[in-house]
Structure formats: C-alpha cells, structure tokens
PDB file of N, CA and C in Angstrom:
ATOM      1  N   MET A   1       0.849  -1.170   0.000  1.00  0.00           N
ATOM      2  CA  MET A   1       0.000   0.000   0.000  1.00  0.00           C
ATOM      3  C   MET A   1       0.900   1.239   0.000  1.00  0.00           C
ATOM      4  N   GLY A   2       0.583   2.211  -0.845  1.00  0.00           N
ATOM      5  CA  GLY A   2       1.385   3.430  -0.947  1.00  0.00           C
ATOM      6  C   GLY A   2       0.953   4.479   0.068  1.00  0.00           C
ATOM      7  N   ILE A   3       1.691   5.555   0.073  1.00  0.00           N
ATOM      8  CA  ILE A   3       1.363   6.673   0.963  1.00  0.00           C
ATOM      9  C   ILE A   3       0.205   7.445   0.351  1.00  0.00           C
ATOM     10  N   THR A   4      -0.782   7.766   1.171  1.00  0.00           N
ATOM     11  CA  THR A   4      -1.930   8.530   0.678  1.00  0.00           C
ATOM     12  C   THR A   4      -1.957   9.900   1.333  1.00  0.00           C
ATOM     13  N   ARG A   5      -2.352  10.861   0.558  1.00  0.00           N
ATOM     14  CA  ARG A   5      -2.519  12.219   1.086  1.00  0.00           C
ATOM     15  C   ARG A   5      -3.922  12.677   0.740  1.00  0.00           C
ATOM     16  N   ARG A   6      -4.517  13.362   1.645  1.00  0.00           N
ATOM     17  CA  ARG A   6      -5.863  13.852   1.396  1.00  0.00           C
ATOM     18  C   ARG A   6      -5.790  15.358   1.160  1.00  0.00           C
ATOM     19  N   TYR A   7      -6.404  15.807   0.074  1.00  0.00           N
ATOM     20  CA  TYR A   7      -6.443  17.232  -0.261  1.00  0.00           C
ATOM     21  C   TYR A   7      -7.897  17.672  -0.314  1.00  0.00           C
ATOM     22  N   ARG A   8      -8.116  18.916   0.000  1.00  0.00           N
ATOM     23  CA  ARG A   8      -9.463  19.464  -0.155  1.00  0.00           C
ATOM     24  C   ARG A   8      -9.357  20.865  -0.728  1.00  0.00           C
ATOM     25  N   HIS A   9     -10.439  21.298  -1.354  1.00  0.00           N
ATOM     26  CA  HIS A   9     -10.450  22.629  -1.954  1.00  0.00           C
ATOM     27  C   HIS A   9     -10.400  23.681  -0.849  1.00  0.00           C
ATOM     28  N   MET A  10      -9.507  24.634  -1.027  1.00  0.00           N
ATOM     29  CA  MET A  10      -9.397  25.751  -0.090  1.00  0.00           C
ATOM     30  C   MET A  10      -9.131  27.016  -0.888  1.00  0.00           C
ATOM     31  N   ASN A  11      -9.563  28.138  -0.359  1.00  0.00           N
ATOM     32  CA  ASN A  11      -9.242  29.424  -0.967  1.00  0.00           C
ATOM     33  C   ASN A  11      -7.932  29.926  -0.367  1.00  0.00           C
ATOM     34  N   TRP A  12      -7.053  30.388  -1.257  1.00  0.00           N
ATOM     35  CA  TRP A  12      -5.732  30.845  -0.845  1.00  0.00           C
ATOM     36  C   TRP A  12      -5.508  32.266  -1.325  1.00  0.00           C
ATOM     37  N   THR A  13      -4.602  32.961  -0.682  1.00  0.00           N
ATOM     38  CA  THR A  13      -4.175  34.278  -1.124  1.00  0.00           C
ATOM     39  C   THR A  13      -2.649  34.337  -1.025  1.00  0.00           C
ATOM     40  N   THR A  14      -2.063  35.306  -1.711  1.00  0.00           N
ATOM     41  CA  THR A  14      -0.613  35.478  -1.637  1.00  0.00           C
ATOM     42  C   THR A  14      -0.307  36.830  -1.009  1.00  0.00           C
ATOM     43  N   THR A  15       0.802  36.877  -0.340  1.00  0.00           N
ATOM     44  CA  THR A  15       1.239  38.114   0.293  1.00  0.00           C
ATOM     45  C   THR A  15       2.762  38.098   0.377  1.00  0.00           C
ATOM     46  N   PRO A  16       3.403  39.265   0.329  1.00  0.00           N
ATOM     47  CA  PRO A  16       4.854  39.266   0.518  1.00  0.00           C
ATOM     48  C   PRO A  16       5.210  38.618   1.857  1.00  0.00           C
ATOM     49  N   ASP A  17       6.275  37.842   1.865  1.00  0.00           N
ATOM     50  CA  ASP A  17       6.722  37.154   3.074  1.00  0.00           C
ATOM     51  C   ASP A  17       7.573  38.116   3.894  1.00  0.00           C
ATOM     52  N   LEU A  18       6.995  38.618   4.971  1.00  0.00           N
ATOM     53  CA  LEU A  18       7.684  39.573   5.837  1.00  0.00           C
ATOM     54  C   LEU A  18       8.132  38.936   7.152  1.00  0.00           C
ATOM     55  N   GLU A  19       8.059  37.614   7.218  1.00  0.00           N
ATOM     56  CA  GLU A  19       8.496  36.910   8.425  1.00  0.00           C
ATOM     57  C   GLU A  19       9.994  37.129   8.634  1.00  0.00           C
ATOM     58  N   PRO A  20      10.460  37.098   9.884  1.00  0.00           N
ATOM     59  CA  PRO A  20      11.890  37.321  10.152  1.00  0.00           C
ATOM     60  C   PRO A  20      12.812  36.329   9.447  1.00  0.00           C
ATOM     61  N   ASP A  21      12.327  35.111   9.201  1.00  0.00           N
ATOM     62  CA  ASP A  21      13.176  34.102   8.558  1.00  0.00           C
ATOM     63  C   ASP A  21      13.030  34.079   7.033  1.00  0.00           C
ATOM     64  N   ALA A  22      12.277  35.023   6.477  1.00  0.00           N
ATOM     65  CA  ALA A  22      12.079  35.063   5.019  1.00  0.00           C
ATOM     66  C   ALA A  22      13.372  35.478   4.320  1.00  0.00           C
ATOM     67  N   PRO A  23      13.586  34.976   3.106  1.00  0.00           N
ATOM     68  CA  PRO A  23      14.748  35.442   2.337  1.00  0.00           C
ATOM     69  C   PRO A  23      14.617  36.945   2.066  1.00  0.00           C
ATOM     70  N   PRO A  24      15.718  37.638   1.860  1.00  0.00           N
ATOM     71  CA  PRO A  24      15.641  39.084   1.608  1.00  0.00           C
ATOM     72  C   PRO A  24      15.110  39.382   0.205  1.00  0.00           C
ATOM     73  N   THR A  25      14.542  40.571   0.053  1.00  0.00           N
ATOM     74  CA  THR A  25      14.178  41.068  -1.270  1.00  0.00           C
ATOM     75  C   THR A  25      15.470  41.513  -1.948  1.00  0.00           C
ATOM     76  N   LEU A  26      15.662  41.090  -3.197  1.00  0.00           N
ATOM     77  CA  LEU A  26      16.889  41.406  -3.924  1.00  0.00           C
ATOM     78  C   LEU A  26      16.578  42.267  -5.139  1.00  0.00           C
ATOM     79  N   HIS A  27      17.486  43.187  -5.461  1.00  0.00           N
ATOM     80  CA  HIS A  27      17.358  44.081  -6.611  1.00  0.00           C
ATOM     81  C   HIS A  27      18.580  43.926  -7.504  1.00  0.00           C
ATOM     82  N   LEU A  28      18.347  44.019  -8.807  1.00  0.00           N
ATOM     83  CA  LEU A  28      19.461  44.177  -9.742  1.00  0.00           C
ATOM     84  C   LEU A  28      18.955  44.936 -10.952  1.00  0.00           C
ATOM     85  N   PHE A  29      19.863  45.610 -11.626  1.00  0.00           N
ATOM     86  CA  PHE A  29      19.545  46.315 -12.864  1.00  0.00           C
ATOM     87  C   PHE A  29      20.267  45.615 -13.999  1.00  0.00           C
ATOM     88  N   GLN A  30      19.551  45.464 -15.118  1.00  0.00           N
ATOM     89  CA  GLN A  30      20.115  44.798 -16.296  1.00  0.00           C
ATOM     90  C   GLN A  30      20.015  45.741 -17.485  1.00  0.00           C
ATOM     91  N   CYS A  31      21.102  45.817 -18.257  1.00  0.00           N
ATOM     92  CA  CYS A  31      21.136  46.692 -19.426  1.00  0.00           C
ATOM     93  C   CYS A  31      20.388  46.054 -20.589  1.00  0.00           C
ATOM     94  N   ASN A  32      19.470  46.814 -21.186  1.00  0.00           N
ATOM     95  CA  ASN A  32      18.737  46.370 -22.374  1.00  0.00           C
ATOM     96  C   ASN A  32      19.279  47.026 -23.637  1.00  0.00           C
ATOM     97  N   GLY A  33      20.402  47.736 -23.516  1.00  0.00           N
ATOM     98  CA  GLY A  33      21.013  48.392 -24.670  1.00  0.00           C
ATOM     99  C   GLY A  33      21.595  47.378 -25.645  1.00  0.00           C
ATOM    100  N   GLU A  34      21.819  47.840 -26.866  1.00  0.00           N
ATOM    101  CA  GLU A  34      22.379  46.980 -27.913  1.00  0.00           C
ATOM    102  C   GLU A  34      23.680  47.573 -28.426  1.00  0.00           C
ATOM    103  N   ASN A  35      24.552  46.696 -28.907  1.00  0.00           N
ATOM    104  CA  ASN A  35      25.788  47.183 -29.532  1.00  0.00           C
ATOM    105  C   ASN A  35      25.515  47.513 -30.998  1.00  0.00           C
ATOM    106  N   GLU A  36      26.554  47.875 -31.743  1.00  0.00           N
ATOM    107  CA  GLU A  36      26.391  48.289 -33.143  1.00  0.00           C
ATOM    108  C   GLU A  36      25.808  47.178 -34.016  1.00  0.00           C
ATOM    109  N   GLN A  37      26.006  45.927 -33.635  1.00  0.00           N
ATOM    110  CA  GLN A  37      25.476  44.796 -34.406  1.00  0.00           C
ATOM    111  C   GLN A  37      24.049  44.426 -33.978  1.00  0.00           C
ATOM    112  N   GLY A  38      23.477  45.175 -33.055  1.00  0.00           N
ATOM    113  CA  GLY A  38      22.113  44.900 -32.602  1.00  0.00           C
ATOM    114  C   GLY A  38      22.033  43.786 -31.568  1.00  0.00           C
ATOM    115  N   ILE A  39      23.164  43.423 -30.973  1.00  0.00           N
ATOM    116  CA  ILE A  39      23.181  42.360 -29.967  1.00  0.00           C
ATOM    117  C   ILE A  39      22.933  42.971 -28.591  1.00  0.00           C
ATOM    118  N   LEU A  40      21.999  42.375 -27.859  1.00  0.00           N
ATOM    119  CA  LEU A  40      21.641  42.847 -26.526  1.00  0.00           C
ATOM    120  C   LEU A  40      22.848  42.811 -25.601  1.00  0.00           C
ATOM    121  N   CYS A  41      23.069  43.889 -24.868  1.00  0.00           N
ATOM    122  CA  CYS A  41      24.201  43.969 -23.933  1.00  0.00           C
ATOM    123  C   CYS A  41      24.021  42.950 -22.805  1.00  0.00           C
ATOM    124  N   GLY A  42      22.946  43.056 -22.046  1.00  0.00           N
ATOM    125  CA  GLY A  42      22.640  42.083 -21.003  1.00  0.00           C
ATOM    126  C   GLY A  42      23.485  42.164 -19.746  1.00  0.00           C
ATOM    127  N   GLN A  43      24.454  43.079 -19.682  1.00  0.00           N
ATOM    128  CA  GLN A  43      25.241  43.194 -18.451  1.00  0.00           C
ATOM    129  C   GLN A  43      24.328  43.628 -17.316  1.00  0.00           C
ATOM    130  N   GLN A  44      24.693  43.231 -16.103  1.00  0.00           N
ATOM    131  CA  GLN A  44      23.828  43.560 -14.977  1.00  0.00           C
ATOM    132  C   GLN A  44      24.630  43.835 -13.715  1.00  0.00           C
ATOM    133  N   SER A  45      23.970  44.528 -12.808  1.00  0.00           N
ATOM    134  CA  SER A  45      24.574  44.805 -11.505  1.00  0.00           C
ATOM    135  C   SER A  45      24.580  43.523 -10.688  1.00  0.00           C
ATOM    136  N   ALA A  46      25.263  43.566  -9.571  1.00  0.00           N
ATOM    137  CA  ALA A  46      25.175  42.457  -8.620  1.00  0.00           C
ATOM    138  C   ALA A  46      23.797  42.503  -7.966  1.00  0.00           C
ATOM    139  N   ALA A  47      23.242  41.344  -7.661  1.00  0.00           N
ATOM    140  CA  ALA A  47      21.972  41.286  -6.936  1.00  0.00           C
ATOM    141  C   ALA A  47      22.252  41.558  -5.466  1.00  0.00           C
ATOM    142  N   GLY A  48      21.436  42.416  -4.868  1.00  0.00           N
ATOM    143  CA  GLY A  48      21.625  42.726  -3.456  1.00  0.00           C
ATOM    144  C   GLY A  48      20.388  43.362  -2.857  1.00  0.00           C
ATOM    145  N   GLU A  49      20.391  43.501  -1.551  1.00  0.00           N
ATOM    146  CA  GLU A  49      19.247  44.066  -0.834  1.00  0.00           C
ATOM    147  C   GLU A  49      19.127  45.579  -0.998  1.00  0.00           C
ATOM    148  N   ASP A  50      20.202  46.245  -1.370  1.00  0.00           N
ATOM    149  CA  ASP A  50      20.216  47.704  -1.472  1.00  0.00           C
ATOM    150  C   ASP A  50      19.816  48.155  -2.882  1.00  0.00           C
ATOM    151  N   PHE A  51      18.590  48.702  -2.999  1.00  0.00           N
ATOM    152  CA  PHE A  51      18.093  49.168  -4.291  1.00  0.00           C
ATOM    153  C   PHE A  51      19.011  50.224  -4.892  1.00  0.00           C
ATOM    154  N   GLU A  52      19.440  51.189  -4.083  1.00  0.00           N
ATOM    155  CA  GLU A  52      20.261  52.292  -4.600  1.00  0.00           C
ATOM    156  C   GLU A  52      21.605  51.804  -5.129  1.00  0.00           C
ATOM    157  N   ALA A  53      22.181  50.801  -4.511  1.00  0.00           N
ATOM    158  CA  ALA A  53      23.453  50.255  -5.007  1.00  0.00           C
ATOM    159  C   ALA A  53      23.254  49.640  -6.387  1.00  0.00           C
ATOM    160  N   ALA A  54      22.159  48.912  -6.568  1.00  0.00           N
ATOM    161  CA  ALA A  54      21.874  48.314  -7.878  1.00  0.00           C
ATOM    162  C   ALA A  54      21.600  49.403  -8.911  1.00  0.00           C
ATOM    163  N   ARG A  55      20.832  50.412  -8.519  1.00  0.00           N
ATOM    164  CA  ARG A  55      20.491  51.490  -9.451  1.00  0.00           C
ATOM    165  C   ARG A  55      21.720  52.304  -9.831  1.00  0.00           C
ATOM    166  N   SER A  56      22.615  52.535  -8.893  1.00  0.00           N
ATOM    167  CA  SER A  56      23.805  53.330  -9.210  1.00  0.00           C
ATOM    168  C   SER A  56      24.685  52.618 -10.237  1.00  0.00           C
ATOM    169  N   TRP A  57      24.619  51.289 -10.278  1.00  0.00           N
ATOM    170  CA  TRP A  57      25.362  50.552 -11.300  1.00  0.00           C
ATOM    171  C   TRP A  57      24.918  50.999 -12.696  1.00  0.00           C
ATOM    172  N   SER A  58      23.615  51.232 -12.887  1.00  0.00           N
ATOM    173  CA  SER A  58      23.123  51.619 -14.217  1.00  0.00           C
ATOM    174  C   SER A  58      23.733  52.947 -14.667  1.00  0.00           C
ATOM    175  N   PHE A  59      23.960  53.882 -13.740  1.00  0.00           N
ATOM    176  CA  PHE A  59      24.594  55.154 -14.099  1.00  0.00           C
ATOM    177  C   PHE A  59      26.059  54.951 -14.480  1.00  0.00           C
ATOM    178  N   GLN A  60      26.740  54.075 -13.755  1.00  0.00           N
ATOM    179  CA  GLN A  60      28.136  53.763 -14.087  1.00  0.00           C
ATOM    180  C   GLN A  60      28.218  53.091 -15.459  1.00  0.00           C
ATOM    181  N   HIS A  61      27.277  52.192 -15.734  1.00  0.00           N
ATOM    182  CA  HIS A  61      27.267  51.496 -17.020  1.00  0.00           C
ATOM    183  C   HIS A  61      26.960  52.485 -18.152  1.00  0.00           C
ATOM    184  N   LEU A  62      26.033  53.396 -17.917  1.00  0.00           N
ATOM    185  CA  LEU A  62      25.697  54.415 -18.914  1.00  0.00           C
ATOM    186  C   LEU A  62      26.897  55.308 -19.204  1.00  0.00           C
ATOM    187  N   GLN A  63      27.642  55.641 -18.178  1.00  0.00           N
ATOM    188  CA  GLN A  63      28.823  56.485 -18.366  1.00  0.00           C
ATOM    189  C   GLN A  63      29.829  55.799 -19.288  1.00  0.00           C
ATOM    190  N   ALA A  64      29.990  54.502 -19.142  1.00  0.00           N
ATOM    191  CA  ALA A  64      30.929  53.751 -19.985  1.00  0.00           C
ATOM    192  C   ALA A  64      30.333  53.417 -21.350  1.00  0.00           C
ATOM    193  N   ASN A  65      28.987  53.410 -21.449  1.00  0.00           N
ATOM    194  CA  ASN A  65      28.289  53.039 -22.690  1.00  0.00           C
ATOM    195  C   ASN A  65      27.159  54.035 -22.933  1.00  0.00           C
ATOM    196  N   PRO A  66      27.450  55.237 -23.451  1.00  0.00           N
ATOM    197  CA  PRO A  66      26.448  56.303 -23.565  1.00  0.00           C
ATOM    198  C   PRO A  66      25.206  55.945 -24.385  1.00  0.00           C
ATOM    199  N   ASP A  67      25.297  54.963 -25.268  1.00  0.00           N
ATOM    200  CA  ASP A  67      24.128  54.582 -26.065  1.00  0.00           C
ATOM    201  C   ASP A  67      23.220  53.577 -25.346  1.00  0.00           C
ATOM    202  N   HIS A  68      23.644  53.062 -24.211  1.00  0.00           N
ATOM    203  CA  HIS A  68      22.848  52.067 -23.467  1.00  0.00           C
ATOM    204  C   HIS A  68      21.937  52.805 -22.489  1.00  0.00           C
ATOM    205  N   ARG A  69      20.716  53.101 -22.955  1.00  0.00           N
ATOM    206  CA  ARG A  69      19.809  53.944 -22.166  1.00  0.00           C
ATOM    207  C   ARG A  69      18.583  53.211 -21.644  1.00  0.00           C
ATOM    208  N   SER A  70      18.507  51.918 -21.901  1.00  0.00           N
ATOM    209  CA  SER A  70      17.344  51.145 -21.461  1.00  0.00           C
ATOM    210  C   SER A  70      17.789  50.070 -20.468  1.00  0.00           C
ATOM    211  N   TYR A  71      17.087  50.010 -19.323  1.00  0.00           N
ATOM    212  CA  TYR A  71      17.445  49.074 -18.253  1.00  0.00           C
ATOM    213  C   TYR A  71      16.194  48.420 -17.691  1.00  0.00           C
ATOM    214  N   SER A  72      16.363  47.250 -17.141  1.00  0.00           N
ATOM    215  CA  SER A  72      15.284  46.574 -16.414  1.00  0.00           C
ATOM    216  C   SER A  72      15.667  46.486 -14.948  1.00  0.00           C
ATOM    217  N   HIS A  73      14.710  46.770 -14.096  1.00  0.00           N
ATOM    218  CA  HIS A  73      14.888  46.543 -12.658  1.00  0.00           C
ATOM    219  C   HIS A  73      14.339  45.145 -12.394  1.00  0.00           C
ATOM    220  N   VAL A  74      15.198  44.226 -11.997  1.00  0.00           N
ATOM    221  CA  VAL A  74      14.796  42.843 -11.724  1.00  0.00           C
ATOM    222  C   VAL A  74      14.698  42.696 -10.208  1.00  0.00           C
ATOM    223  N   LEU A  75      13.524  42.304  -9.762  1.00  0.00           N
ATOM    224  CA  LEU A  75      13.225  42.233  -8.336  1.00  0.00           C
ATOM    225  C   LEU A  75      12.906  40.796  -7.955  1.00  0.00           C
ATOM    226  N   SER A  76      13.511  40.324  -6.892  1.00  0.00           N
ATOM    227  CA  SER A  76      13.197  39.000  -6.355  1.00  0.00           C
ATOM    228  C   SER A  76      12.663  39.203  -4.944  1.00  0.00           C
ATOM    229  N   ARG A  77      11.357  38.963  -4.778  1.00  0.00           N
ATOM    230  CA  ARG A  77      10.707  39.182  -3.483  1.00  0.00           C
ATOM    231  C   ARG A  77      10.065  37.877  -3.035  1.00  0.00           C
ATOM    232  N   PRO A  78      10.316  37.440  -1.793  1.00  0.00           N
ATOM    233  CA  PRO A  78       9.680  36.208  -1.316  1.00  0.00           C
ATOM    234  C   PRO A  78       8.192  36.445  -1.039  1.00  0.00           C
ATOM    235  N   TRP A  79       7.382  35.451  -1.381  1.00  0.00           N
ATOM    236  CA  TRP A  79       5.939  35.510  -1.155  1.00  0.00           C
ATOM    237  C   TRP A  79       5.505  34.279  -0.373  1.00  0.00           C
ATOM    238  N   ARG A  80       4.380  34.405   0.312  1.00  0.00           N
ATOM    239  CA  ARG A  80       3.801  33.291   1.066  1.00  0.00           C
ATOM    240  C   ARG A  80       2.401  33.009   0.543  1.00  0.00           C
ATOM    241  N   MET A  81       2.018  31.747   0.603  1.00  0.00           N
ATOM    242  CA  MET A  81       0.647  31.338   0.305  1.00  0.00           C
ATOM    243  C   MET A  81      -0.053  31.161   1.651  1.00  0.00           C
ATOM    244  N   ILE A  82      -1.211  31.796   1.805  1.00  0.00           N
ATOM    245  CA  ILE A  82      -1.935  31.741   3.075  1.00  0.00           C
ATOM    246  C   ILE A  82      -3.365  31.280   2.803  1.00  0.00           C
ATOM    247  N   PRO A  83      -3.814  30.236   3.517  1.00  0.00           N
ATOM    248  CA  PRO A  83      -5.194  29.791   3.326  1.00  0.00           C
ATOM    249  C   PRO A  83      -6.165  30.802   3.933  1.00  0.00           C
ATOM    250  N   GLU A  84      -7.335  30.913   3.293  1.00  0.00           N
ATOM    251  CA  GLU A  84      -8.363  31.817   3.810  1.00  0.00           C
ATOM    252  C   GLU A  84      -8.760  31.399   5.226  1.00  0.00           C
ATOM    253  N   ILE A  85      -8.916  30.104   5.418  1.00  0.00           N
ATOM    254  CA  ILE A  85      -9.222  29.541   6.731  1.00  0.00           C
ATOM    255  C   ILE A  85      -8.155  28.503   7.021  1.00  0.00           C
ATOM    256  N   GLU A  86      -7.494  28.640   8.155  1.00  0.00           N
ATOM    257  CA  GLU A  86      -6.433  27.693   8.516  1.00  0.00           C
ATOM    258  C   GLU A  86      -7.072  26.328   8.775  1.00  0.00           C
ATOM    259  N   PRO A  87      -6.614  25.283   8.066  1.00  0.00           N
ATOM    260  CA  PRO A  87      -7.225  23.960   8.255  1.00  0.00           C
ATOM    261  C   PRO A  87      -6.868  23.387   9.627  1.00  0.00           C
ATOM    262  N   ASP A  88      -7.774  22.542  10.127  1.00  0.00           N
ATOM    263  CA  ASP A  88      -7.477  21.816  11.364  1.00  0.00           C
ATOM    264  C   ASP A  88      -6.355  20.838  11.078  1.00  0.00           C
ATOM    265  N   PRO A  89      -5.434  20.689  12.013  1.00  0.00           N
ATOM    266  CA  PRO A  89      -4.352  19.724  11.781  1.00  0.00           C
ATOM    267  C   PRO A  89      -4.905  18.306  11.740  1.00  0.00           C
ATOM    268  N   GLU A  90      -4.339  17.499  10.863  1.00  0.00           N
ATOM    269  CA  GLU A  90      -4.739  16.093  10.769  1.00  0.00           C
ATOM    270  C   GLU A  90      -4.236  15.365  12.008  1.00  0.00           C
ATOM    271  N   PRO A  91      -5.065  14.491  12.588  1.00  0.00           N
ATOM    272  CA  PRO A  91      -4.563  13.719  13.728  1.00  0.00           C
ATOM    273  C   PRO A  91      -3.456  12.774  13.265  1.00  0.00           C
ATOM    274  N   ILE A  92      -2.465  12.598  14.101  1.00  0.00           N
ATOM    275  CA  ILE A  92      -1.372  11.683  13.781  1.00  0.00           C
ATOM    276  C   ILE A  92      -1.733  10.318  14.339  1.00  0.00           C
ATOM    277  N   VAL A  93      -1.814   9.342  13.447  1.00  0.00           N
ATOM    278  CA  VAL A  93      -2.170   7.985  13.838  1.00  0.00           C
ATOM    279  C   VAL A  93      -0.906   7.144  13.789  1.00  0.00           C
ATOM    280  N   PRO A  94      -0.544   6.489  14.894  1.00  0.00           N
ATOM    281  CA  PRO A  94       0.654   5.651  14.876  1.00  0.00           C
ATOM    282  C   PRO A  94       0.559   4.577  13.802  1.00  0.00           C
ATOM    283  N   LEU A  95       1.689   4.251  13.186  1.00  0.00           N
ATOM    284  CA  LEU A  95       1.728   3.244  12.129  1.00  0.00           C
ATOM    285  C   LEU A  95       1.143   1.918  12.581  1.00  0.00           C
ATOM    286  N   SER A  96       1.336   1.540  13.821  1.00  0.00           N
ATOM    287  CA  SER A  96       0.841   0.247  14.302  1.00  0.00           C
ATOM    288  C   SER A  96      -0.678   0.160  14.203  1.00  0.00           C
ATOM    289  N   GLU A  97      -1.379   1.295  14.271  1.00  0.00           N
ATOM    290  CA  GLU A  97      -2.836   1.297  14.179  1.00  0.00           C
ATOM    291  C   GLU A  97      -3.324   1.292  12.736  1.00  0.00           C
ATOM    292  N   THR A  98      -2.459   1.583  11.780  1.00  0.00           N
ATOM    293  CA  THR A  98      -2.885   1.647  10.383  1.00  0.00           C
ATOM    294  C   THR A  98      -2.411   0.456   9.574  1.00  0.00           C
ATOM    295  N   ALA A  99      -1.554  -0.361  10.150  1.00  0.00           N
ATOM    296  CA  ALA A  99      -0.996  -1.499   9.407  1.00  0.00           C
ATOM    297  C   ALA A  99      -2.071  -2.542   9.155  1.00  0.00           C
ATOM    298  N   CYS A 100      -2.019  -3.126   7.980  1.00  0.00           N
ATOM    299  CA  CYS A 100      -2.938  -4.215   7.646  1.00  0.00           C
ATOM    300  C   CYS A 100      -2.421  -5.481   8.318  1.00  0.00           C
ATOM    301  N   GLY A 101      -3.293  -6.265   8.870  1.00  0.00           N
ATOM    302  CA  GLY A 101      -2.776  -7.428   9.557  1.00  0.00           C
ATOM    303  C   GLY A 101      -3.547  -8.612   9.396  1.00  0.00           C
TER     304      GLY A 101
END
C-alpha cells in the first residue's frame, strides 16, 4: 500500500513574506542596450538588498556606454501562500494502528 494524502479545496491568497526568517528582497539592474550589431548587452549589476546600489550601477554602465539607455529593474521578493481559513491539523495515527494485519 502506498502513501496517501488527502487534499481538499481551499481558498488561498498570496502576500509578501515579511516573516523574520524570510529570504531578503533582492534588486538588480540589467542593461537592455544593444551594440552596433544589434546584440543585446545584457550586463547587470550584482543582486543585493540595497536598491540604490543596484540602481547606481546603471549610471556607471551608462557612463561607460552612452548609447545604453534602457534598463530593467529585476526584483526577487519572497511571497507566502496563506489559506483563507487555517485547516485543522490532521490527527497523527501511529503506524501500528494503520498497518494491515
């Protein structure tokens, strides 16, 4: 006999994960500029928690590449799934009571 899991329909919502143990929100900027051959630059800042540090990279990149004027702000934010109604915990039944005999 295999392991069985019981699922039921529930309404869920999403919200940013602001718990103390949540991963940090990360920012990076990526260059969408093209070179003379029309090839996407794609260079990017380091990913980090400091938005301004990532954004300042785009100004440094623009200074070195005056034609690269288009950038994407790439954001990685942790999210949580939360049930509308918290389900009752399933009772834990010892294996000895569920074994076929």
